[in-house]
C-alpha atoms as a PDB file:
ATOM      1  CA  ALA A   1      12.622  -4.434   3.104  1.00  0.00           C
ATOM      2  CA  ALA A   2       8.803  -4.351   3.371  1.00  0.00           C
ATOM      3  CA  ARG A   3       8.420  -8.010   4.740  1.00  0.00           C
ATOM      4  CA  LEU A   4      11.520  -7.548   7.162  1.00  0.00           C
ATOM      5  CA  ILE A   5      10.367  -3.876   8.789  1.00  0.00           C
ATOM      6  CA  SER A   6       6.901  -5.240   9.298  1.00  0.00           C
ATOM      7  CA  SER A   7       7.778  -8.457  10.676  1.00  0.00           C
ATOM      8  CA  GLU A   8       9.904  -6.651  13.414  1.00  0.00           C
ATOM      9  CA  MET A   9       8.278  -3.248  13.566  1.00  0.00           C
ATOM     10  CA  PRO A  10       4.676  -4.023  13.260  1.00  0.00           C
ATOM     11  CA  HIS A  11       3.648  -0.755  14.613  1.00  0.00           C
ATOM     12  CA  ILE A  12       5.344   1.446  11.796  1.00  0.00           C
ATOM     13  CA  LYS A  13       3.827   2.445   8.846  1.00  0.00           C
ATOM     14  CA  ILE A  14       5.077   1.745   5.044  1.00  0.00           C
ATOM     15  CA  LEU A  15       4.083   3.754   2.101  1.00  0.00           C
ATOM     16  CA  ALA A  16       5.479   2.113  -1.288  1.00  0.00           C
ATOM     17  CA  LEU A  17       6.784   4.278  -4.215  1.00  0.00           C
ATOM     18  CA  SER A  18       7.087   2.662  -7.388  1.00  0.00           C
ATOM     19  CA  MET A  19       6.778   2.999 -11.112  1.00  0.00           C
ATOM     20  CA  HIS A  20       5.322  -0.546 -11.970  1.00  0.00           C
ATOM     21  CA  ASN A  21       1.615  -0.932 -11.472  1.00  0.00           C
ATOM     22  CA  GLU A  22       0.659  -4.394 -12.268  1.00  0.00           C
ATOM     23  CA  ARG A  23      -2.041  -6.183  -9.983  1.00  0.00           C
ATOM     24  CA  GLN A  24       0.114  -8.720  -8.790  1.00  0.00           C
ATOM     25  CA  LEU A  25       3.362  -6.710  -7.993  1.00  0.00           C
ATOM     26  CA  VAL A  26       1.086  -4.308  -6.261  1.00  0.00           C
ATOM     27  CA  LEU A  27      -1.222  -7.280  -4.444  1.00  0.00           C
ATOM     28  CA  GLU A  28       2.453  -8.978  -3.189  1.00  0.00           C
ATOM     29  CA  MET A  29       3.661  -5.557  -1.953  1.00  0.00           C
ATOM     30  CA  PHE A  30       0.577  -5.276   0.474  1.00  0.00           C
ATOM     31  CA  LYS A  31       1.045  -9.124   1.301  1.00  0.00           C
ATOM     32  CA  ALA A  32       4.504  -7.806   2.415  1.00  0.00           C
ATOM     33  CA  GLY A  33       2.968  -5.814   4.780  1.00  0.00           C
ATOM     34  CA  VAL A  34       2.810  -2.123   3.203  1.00  0.00           C
ATOM     35  CA  SER A  35       0.107   0.004   4.516  1.00  0.00           C
ATOM     36  CA  GLY A  36      -0.298   2.112   0.810  1.00  0.00           C
ATOM     37  CA  TYR A  37       0.952   2.010  -2.621  1.00  0.00           C
ATOM     38  CA  LEU A  38       1.707   5.279  -4.660  1.00  0.00           C
ATOM     39  CA  LEU A  39       2.746   5.270  -8.011  1.00  0.00           C
ATOM     40  CA  LYS A  40       6.020   7.657  -8.735  1.00  0.00           C
ATOM     41  CA  GLU A  41       4.438   9.317 -11.818  1.00  0.00           C
ATOM     42  CA  ARG A  42       1.522  10.317  -9.947  1.00  0.00           C
ATOM     43  CA  VAL A  43       3.794  11.491  -6.347  1.00  0.00           C
ATOM     44  CA  SER A  44       3.116  15.061  -6.841  1.00  0.00           C
ATOM     45  CA  GLU A  45      -0.146  14.787  -6.671  1.00  0.00           C
ATOM     46  CA  GLU A  46      -0.726  12.028  -3.946  1.00  0.00           C
ATOM     47  CA  LEU A  47       1.825  12.208  -1.735  1.00  0.00           C
ATOM     48  CA  ALA A  48       0.154  14.644   1.120  1.00  0.00           C
ATOM     49  CA  LYS A  49      -3.076  12.048   0.269  1.00  0.00           C
ATOM     50  CA  SER A  50      -1.533   8.798   0.562  1.00  0.00           C
ATOM     51  CA  ILE A  51       0.492  10.280   3.812  1.00  0.00           C
ATOM     52  CA  GLU A  52      -2.638  10.861   5.364  1.00  0.00           C
ATOM     53  CA  ALA A  53      -4.092   8.148   4.404  1.00  0.00           C
ATOM     54  CA  VAL A  54      -1.897   5.604   5.849  1.00  0.00           C
ATOM     55  CA  CYS A  55      -1.530   7.589   9.192  1.00  0.00           C
ATOM     56  CA  SER A  56      -4.740   7.333   9.787  1.00  0.00           C
ATOM     57  CA  ASN A  57      -4.489   3.307   9.543  1.00  0.00           C
ATOM     58  CA  ARG A  58      -6.519   3.736   5.820  1.00  0.00           C
ATOM     59  CA  ILE A  59      -4.611   1.265   2.941  1.00  0.00           C
ATOM     60  CA  TYR A  60      -3.904   3.642  -0.043  1.00  0.00           C
ATOM     61  CA  VAL A  61      -3.417   2.705  -3.440  1.00  0.00           C
ATOM     62  CA  SER A  62      -3.046   5.254  -6.201  1.00  0.00           C
ATOM     63  CA  PRO A  63      -6.078   5.848  -7.828  1.00  0.00           C
ATOM     64  CA  SER A  64      -4.966   5.023 -11.627  1.00  0.00           C
ATOM     65  CA  ILE A  65      -4.470   1.089 -10.257  1.00  0.00           C
ATOM     66  CA  MET A  66      -7.257   0.959  -7.604  1.00  0.00           C
ATOM     67  CA  ASP A  67     -10.306  -0.713  -8.509  1.00  0.00           C
ATOM     68  CA  GLU A  68     -12.603  -1.662  -6.009  1.00  0.00           C
ATOM     69  CA  ASN A  69     -11.629  -5.619  -5.989  1.00  0.00           C
ATOM     70  CA  ILE A  70      -8.215  -4.567  -4.657  1.00  0.00           C
ATOM     71  CA  GLU A  71      -9.189  -3.089  -1.645  1.00  0.00           C
ATOM     72  CA  ASP A  72     -10.952  -5.782  -0.260  1.00  0.00           C
ATOM     73  CA  TYR A  73      -8.747  -8.435  -1.266  1.00  0.00           C
ATOM     74  CA  VAL A  74      -6.309  -6.097   0.973  1.00  0.00           C
ATOM     75  CA  ARG A  75      -8.441  -5.838   3.928  1.00  0.00           C
ATOM     76  CA  ASN A  76      -8.801  -9.397   4.011  1.00  0.00           C
ATOM     77  CA  LEU A  77      -4.916 -10.448   3.895  1.00  0.00           C
ATOM     78  CA  LYS A  78      -4.735  -8.130   7.174  1.00  0.00           C
ATOM     79  CA  GLN A  79      -7.670  -9.745   8.716  1.00  0.00           C
ATOM     80  CA  ASN A  80      -6.485 -13.848   7.599  1.00  0.00           C
ATOM     81  CA  PRO A  81      -2.733 -13.400   6.757  1.00  0.00           C
END
């Protein structure tokens, strides 16, 4: 769905909500066009912050799965599709 939405409506920001925190899955979601990735277990603590980040054209990844390399990798994906 993210791939279709981002290709047909590139101005739409997509915030993925998932229970999965595997690095490869997170990276695949960003390749598909999401702007943020939020874990369901953290939604009550992070929802407002994640929406604010995505609406401000920033990348959001739940801190529990975020590391320095993921953010750099995602930025490179968006610059070099």
